[in-house]
Amino acid sequence: MSTRLAIPNESLRLEAPLALGTIVPILGAFYFGSVWLKRKANPKGYPLREDFQPSQLQSLKAFLKTAITGTRYEVSNSRYDYGRIRPRSSGRIDEADNVELP
């Protein structure tokens, strides 16, 4: 019995990581290029929506805290603290919780 994966063509195992290795940087380049074009189209110092979004590190911390402690987090949409990650308020009612069952 063979321990190899049941992939009919060995070149496919080599092409898949190569494809991912090229697609991910291209997507990143498109994203950063679009942000650069937005900045270029606006006056210097003009805030973009991306400036107020939480960083990847902040998002990862909130994700891990949710996984470990079970506390739910939300991203604020208030104009005073837009993009800040905070624990979800306990009085909030979800639309999914508000569905009537037949």
N, C-alpha and C. Protein backbone atom coordinates (compact mmCIF):
# COMPACT_ATOMS: atom_id res chain seq x y z
N MET A 1 0.84 -1.17 0.00
CA MET A 1 0.00 0.00 0.00
C MET A 1 0.89 1.24 0.00
N SER A 2 0.55 2.19 -0.80
CA SER A 2 1.35 3.39 -0.96
C SER A 2 0.91 4.47 0.03
N THR A 3 1.86 5.24 0.53
CA THR A 3 1.54 6.33 1.46
C THR A 3 1.38 7.66 0.72
N ARG A 4 1.54 7.66 -0.58
CA ARG A 4 1.39 8.88 -1.37
C ARG A 4 -0.07 9.28 -1.47
N LEU A 5 -0.29 10.55 -1.69
CA LEU A 5 -1.66 11.03 -1.89
C LEU A 5 -2.19 10.49 -3.21
N ALA A 6 -3.47 10.34 -3.27
CA ALA A 6 -4.08 9.78 -4.48
C ALA A 6 -4.32 10.89 -5.50
N ILE A 7 -3.26 11.56 -5.92
CA ILE A 7 -3.34 12.58 -6.95
C ILE A 7 -2.80 11.95 -8.22
N PRO A 8 -3.58 11.94 -9.29
CA PRO A 8 -3.17 11.22 -10.48
C PRO A 8 -1.90 11.77 -11.13
N ASN A 9 -1.71 13.05 -11.08
CA ASN A 9 -0.57 13.64 -11.76
C ASN A 9 0.32 14.32 -10.72
N GLU A 10 1.59 13.95 -10.69
CA GLU A 10 2.50 14.51 -9.69
C GLU A 10 2.74 16.00 -9.91
N SER A 11 2.65 16.45 -11.14
CA SER A 11 2.87 17.87 -11.40
C SER A 11 1.78 18.73 -10.76
N LEU A 12 0.59 18.17 -10.54
CA LEU A 12 -0.48 18.92 -9.90
C LEU A 12 -0.11 19.29 -8.47
N ARG A 13 0.60 18.41 -7.78
CA ARG A 13 1.05 18.72 -6.42
C ARG A 13 2.07 19.85 -6.40
N LEU A 14 2.76 20.04 -7.48
CA LEU A 14 3.73 21.12 -7.56
C LEU A 14 3.09 22.41 -8.05
N GLU A 15 2.06 22.30 -8.85
CA GLU A 15 1.42 23.49 -9.42
C GLU A 15 0.53 24.21 -8.41
N ALA A 16 -0.10 23.49 -7.50
CA ALA A 16 -1.02 24.11 -6.54
C ALA A 16 -0.31 25.12 -5.63
N PRO A 17 0.81 24.77 -4.98
CA PRO A 17 1.50 25.78 -4.18
C PRO A 17 2.05 26.94 -5.01
N LEU A 18 2.46 26.64 -6.23
CA LEU A 18 2.96 27.69 -7.11
C LEU A 18 1.84 28.68 -7.44
N ALA A 19 0.65 28.15 -7.70
CA ALA A 19 -0.49 29.02 -8.01
C ALA A 19 -0.84 29.89 -6.80
N LEU A 20 -0.88 29.28 -5.61
CA LEU A 20 -1.16 30.07 -4.41
C LEU A 20 -0.06 31.10 -4.15
N GLY A 21 1.15 30.71 -4.41
CA GLY A 21 2.28 31.62 -4.19
C GLY A 21 2.29 32.80 -5.14
N THR A 22 1.58 32.70 -6.25
CA THR A 22 1.51 33.83 -7.17
C THR A 22 0.21 34.61 -7.00
N ILE A 23 -0.88 33.93 -6.67
CA ILE A 23 -2.17 34.61 -6.56
C ILE A 23 -2.24 35.50 -5.32
N VAL A 24 -1.75 35.04 -4.20
CA VAL A 24 -1.84 35.81 -2.95
C VAL A 24 -1.07 37.14 -3.06
N PRO A 25 0.18 37.16 -3.55
CA PRO A 25 0.84 38.47 -3.70
C PRO A 25 0.17 39.38 -4.73
N ILE A 26 -0.41 38.80 -5.77
CA ILE A 26 -1.10 39.62 -6.76
C ILE A 26 -2.33 40.28 -6.14
N LEU A 27 -3.09 39.52 -5.34
CA LEU A 27 -4.25 40.11 -4.66
C LEU A 27 -3.82 41.21 -3.69
N GLY A 28 -2.72 40.97 -2.98
CA GLY A 28 -2.21 42.01 -2.08
C GLY A 28 -1.79 43.25 -2.83
N ALA A 29 -1.15 43.06 -3.99
CA ALA A 29 -0.73 44.21 -4.80
C ALA A 29 -1.94 44.99 -5.31
N PHE A 30 -3.00 44.29 -5.71
CA PHE A 30 -4.22 44.99 -6.14
C PHE A 30 -4.83 45.80 -5.01
N TYR A 31 -4.86 45.23 -3.80
CA TYR A 31 -5.44 45.95 -2.66
C TYR A 31 -4.62 47.21 -2.35
N PHE A 32 -3.31 47.05 -2.20
CA PHE A 32 -2.49 48.21 -1.87
C PHE A 32 -2.45 49.22 -3.01
N GLY A 33 -2.56 48.74 -4.24
CA GLY A 33 -2.65 49.66 -5.38
C GLY A 33 -3.93 50.46 -5.35
N SER A 34 -5.05 49.83 -4.98
CA SER A 34 -6.32 50.56 -4.92
C SER A 34 -6.29 51.60 -3.80
N VAL A 35 -5.68 51.26 -2.66
CA VAL A 35 -5.57 52.23 -1.57
C VAL A 35 -4.67 53.39 -2.00
N TRP A 36 -3.59 53.10 -2.71
CA TRP A 36 -2.70 54.15 -3.19
C TRP A 36 -3.42 55.08 -4.16
N LEU A 37 -4.24 54.50 -5.06
CA LEU A 37 -4.98 55.34 -6.01
C LEU A 37 -6.02 56.20 -5.29
N LYS A 38 -6.66 55.66 -4.25
CA LYS A 38 -7.61 56.46 -3.47
C LYS A 38 -6.90 57.63 -2.81
N ARG A 39 -5.72 57.37 -2.25
CA ARG A 39 -4.97 58.44 -1.59
C ARG A 39 -4.53 59.49 -2.60
N LYS A 40 -4.16 59.05 -3.77
CA LYS A 40 -3.70 59.98 -4.80
C LYS A 40 -4.85 60.86 -5.30
N ALA A 41 -6.08 60.31 -5.32
CA ALA A 41 -7.23 61.06 -5.81
C ALA A 41 -7.74 62.10 -4.81
N ASN A 42 -7.36 61.96 -3.54
CA ASN A 42 -7.84 62.87 -2.50
C ASN A 42 -6.72 63.79 -2.04
N PRO A 43 -7.08 64.90 -1.38
CA PRO A 43 -6.04 65.81 -0.88
C PRO A 43 -5.17 65.14 0.18
N LYS A 44 -3.97 65.67 0.36
CA LYS A 44 -3.04 65.10 1.34
C LYS A 44 -3.64 65.22 2.74
N GLY A 45 -3.57 64.13 3.52
CA GLY A 45 -4.11 64.12 4.87
C GLY A 45 -5.59 63.78 4.93
N TYR A 46 -6.24 63.60 3.78
CA TYR A 46 -7.66 63.25 3.78
C TYR A 46 -7.82 61.82 4.27
N PRO A 47 -8.65 61.59 5.30
CA PRO A 47 -8.77 60.23 5.85
C PRO A 47 -9.62 59.34 4.94
N LEU A 48 -9.12 58.14 4.74
CA LEU A 48 -9.86 57.13 3.99
C LEU A 48 -10.54 56.19 4.97
N ARG A 49 -11.50 55.43 4.48
CA ARG A 49 -12.19 54.46 5.33
C ARG A 49 -11.21 53.43 5.89
N GLU A 50 -10.19 53.07 5.11
CA GLU A 50 -9.20 52.09 5.55
C GLU A 50 -8.40 52.58 6.76
N ASP A 51 -8.28 53.90 6.94
CA ASP A 51 -7.54 54.45 8.08
C ASP A 51 -8.24 54.17 9.40
N PHE A 52 -9.55 53.96 9.37
CA PHE A 52 -10.32 53.77 10.59
C PHE A 52 -10.61 52.31 10.88
N GLN A 53 -10.27 51.43 9.97
CA GLN A 53 -10.52 50.00 10.20
C GLN A 53 -9.47 49.45 11.14
N PRO A 54 -9.84 48.43 11.95
CA PRO A 54 -8.86 47.85 12.86
C PRO A 54 -7.75 47.14 12.09
N SER A 55 -6.58 47.11 12.69
CA SER A 55 -5.45 46.45 12.04
C SER A 55 -5.63 44.94 12.08
N GLN A 56 -4.81 44.24 11.31
CA GLN A 56 -4.88 42.78 11.30
C GLN A 56 -4.59 42.22 12.68
N LEU A 57 -3.64 42.84 13.40
CA LEU A 57 -3.29 42.37 14.73
C LEU A 57 -4.45 42.53 15.71
N GLN A 58 -5.14 43.67 15.64
CA GLN A 58 -6.29 43.89 16.51
C GLN A 58 -7.41 42.90 16.19
N SER A 59 -7.63 42.64 14.93
CA SER A 59 -8.67 41.68 14.54
C SER A 59 -8.32 40.28 15.01
N LEU A 60 -7.05 39.91 14.89
CA LEU A 60 -6.61 38.59 15.32
C LEU A 60 -6.74 38.44 16.84
N LYS A 61 -6.40 39.50 17.59
CA LYS A 61 -6.55 39.46 19.05
C LYS A 61 -8.02 39.27 19.44
N ALA A 62 -8.93 39.99 18.79
CA ALA A 62 -10.36 39.86 19.09
C ALA A 62 -10.85 38.46 18.72
N PHE A 63 -10.36 37.91 17.62
CA PHE A 63 -10.73 36.56 17.21
C PHE A 63 -10.29 35.53 18.25
N LEU A 64 -9.04 35.66 18.70
CA LEU A 64 -8.52 34.71 19.69
C LEU A 64 -9.22 34.86 21.04
N LYS A 65 -9.52 36.11 21.45
CA LYS A 65 -10.24 36.31 22.71
C LYS A 65 -11.64 35.70 22.63
N THR A 66 -12.27 35.81 21.46
CA THR A 66 -13.58 35.19 21.28
C THR A 66 -13.48 33.68 21.38
N ALA A 67 -12.45 33.11 20.76
CA ALA A 67 -12.28 31.65 20.78
C ALA A 67 -11.97 31.15 22.17
N ILE A 68 -11.18 31.90 22.94
CA ILE A 68 -10.75 31.43 24.26
C ILE A 68 -11.79 31.73 25.34
N THR A 69 -12.29 32.96 25.38
CA THR A 69 -13.19 33.36 26.47
C THR A 69 -14.66 33.26 26.12
N GLY A 70 -14.98 33.25 24.84
CA GLY A 70 -16.38 33.20 24.43
C GLY A 70 -17.04 34.57 24.40
N THR A 71 -16.31 35.62 24.70
CA THR A 71 -16.85 36.98 24.65
C THR A 71 -17.00 37.40 23.19
N ARG A 72 -18.16 37.92 22.85
CA ARG A 72 -18.38 38.36 21.47
C ARG A 72 -17.93 39.81 21.32
N TYR A 73 -17.29 40.11 20.21
CA TYR A 73 -16.80 41.45 19.93
C TYR A 73 -17.48 42.00 18.69
N GLU A 74 -17.50 43.34 18.61
CA GLU A 74 -18.06 43.99 17.43
C GLU A 74 -17.18 45.17 17.07
N VAL A 75 -17.28 45.60 15.83
CA VAL A 75 -16.55 46.77 15.37
C VAL A 75 -17.52 47.94 15.39
N SER A 76 -17.12 49.02 16.03
CA SER A 76 -18.00 50.17 16.21
C SER A 76 -18.24 50.88 14.88
N ASN A 77 -19.48 51.32 14.67
CA ASN A 77 -19.83 52.12 13.50
C ASN A 77 -20.16 53.55 13.88
N SER A 78 -19.93 53.90 15.14
CA SER A 78 -20.20 55.25 15.61
C SER A 78 -19.22 56.22 14.97
N ARG A 79 -19.65 57.43 14.74
CA ARG A 79 -18.73 58.39 14.12
C ARG A 79 -17.66 58.86 15.11
N TYR A 80 -17.85 58.58 16.39
CA TYR A 80 -16.88 59.01 17.39
C TYR A 80 -15.77 58.00 17.60
N ASP A 81 -16.06 56.72 17.44
CA ASP A 81 -15.01 55.70 17.60
C ASP A 81 -15.11 54.65 16.51
N TYR A 82 -15.27 55.09 15.27
CA TYR A 82 -15.45 54.21 14.13
C TYR A 82 -14.26 53.26 13.99
N GLY A 83 -14.55 51.99 13.83
CA GLY A 83 -13.51 51.00 13.59
C GLY A 83 -12.88 50.42 14.84
N ARG A 84 -13.30 50.87 16.02
CA ARG A 84 -12.73 50.34 17.27
C ARG A 84 -13.39 49.01 17.60
N ILE A 85 -12.60 48.02 17.96
CA ILE A 85 -13.13 46.72 18.37
C ILE A 85 -13.43 46.79 19.86
N ARG A 86 -14.66 46.41 20.21
CA ARG A 86 -15.06 46.45 21.62
C ARG A 86 -15.95 45.25 21.91
N PRO A 87 -16.07 44.88 23.19
CA PRO A 87 -16.98 43.78 23.52
C PRO A 87 -18.40 44.15 23.15
N ARG A 88 -19.14 43.19 22.68
CA ARG A 88 -20.51 43.43 22.25
C ARG A 88 -21.37 43.78 23.45
N SER A 89 -22.22 44.79 23.31
CA SER A 89 -23.08 45.21 24.40
C SER A 89 -24.11 44.12 24.67
N SER A 90 -24.41 43.90 25.94
CA SER A 90 -25.27 42.79 26.33
C SER A 90 -26.73 43.04 25.98
N GLY A 91 -27.15 44.28 25.83
CA GLY A 91 -28.55 44.57 25.55
C GLY A 91 -28.90 44.50 24.08
N ARG A 92 -27.95 44.20 23.24
CA ARG A 92 -28.18 44.19 21.81
C ARG A 92 -28.95 42.94 21.40
N ILE A 93 -29.91 43.12 20.50
CA ILE A 93 -30.70 41.99 20.00
C ILE A 93 -30.29 41.73 18.56
N ASP A 94 -29.90 40.50 18.28
CA ASP A 94 -29.55 40.12 16.92
C ASP A 94 -30.80 39.89 16.10
N GLU A 95 -30.69 40.11 14.78
CA GLU A 95 -31.81 39.81 13.89
C GLU A 95 -32.09 38.32 13.89
N ALA A 96 -31.04 37.51 13.99
CA ALA A 96 -31.21 36.06 13.98
C ALA A 96 -31.97 35.59 15.23
N ASP A 97 -31.79 36.30 16.35
CA ASP A 97 -32.47 35.94 17.59
C ASP A 97 -33.94 36.39 17.56
N ASN A 98 -34.26 37.30 16.66
CA ASN A 98 -35.58 37.90 16.62
C ASN A 98 -36.51 37.22 15.62
N VAL A 99 -36.09 36.11 15.05
CA VAL A 99 -36.88 35.41 14.04
C VAL A 99 -37.98 34.61 14.73
N GLU A 100 -39.20 34.73 14.20
CA GLU A 100 -40.30 33.97 14.76
C GLU A 100 -40.33 32.59 14.12
N LEU A 101 -40.50 31.59 14.94
CA LEU A 101 -40.60 30.23 14.44
C LEU A 101 -42.04 29.87 14.17
N PRO A 102 -42.33 29.04 13.16
CA PRO A 102 -43.73 28.69 12.85
C PRO A 102 -44.31 27.75 13.88
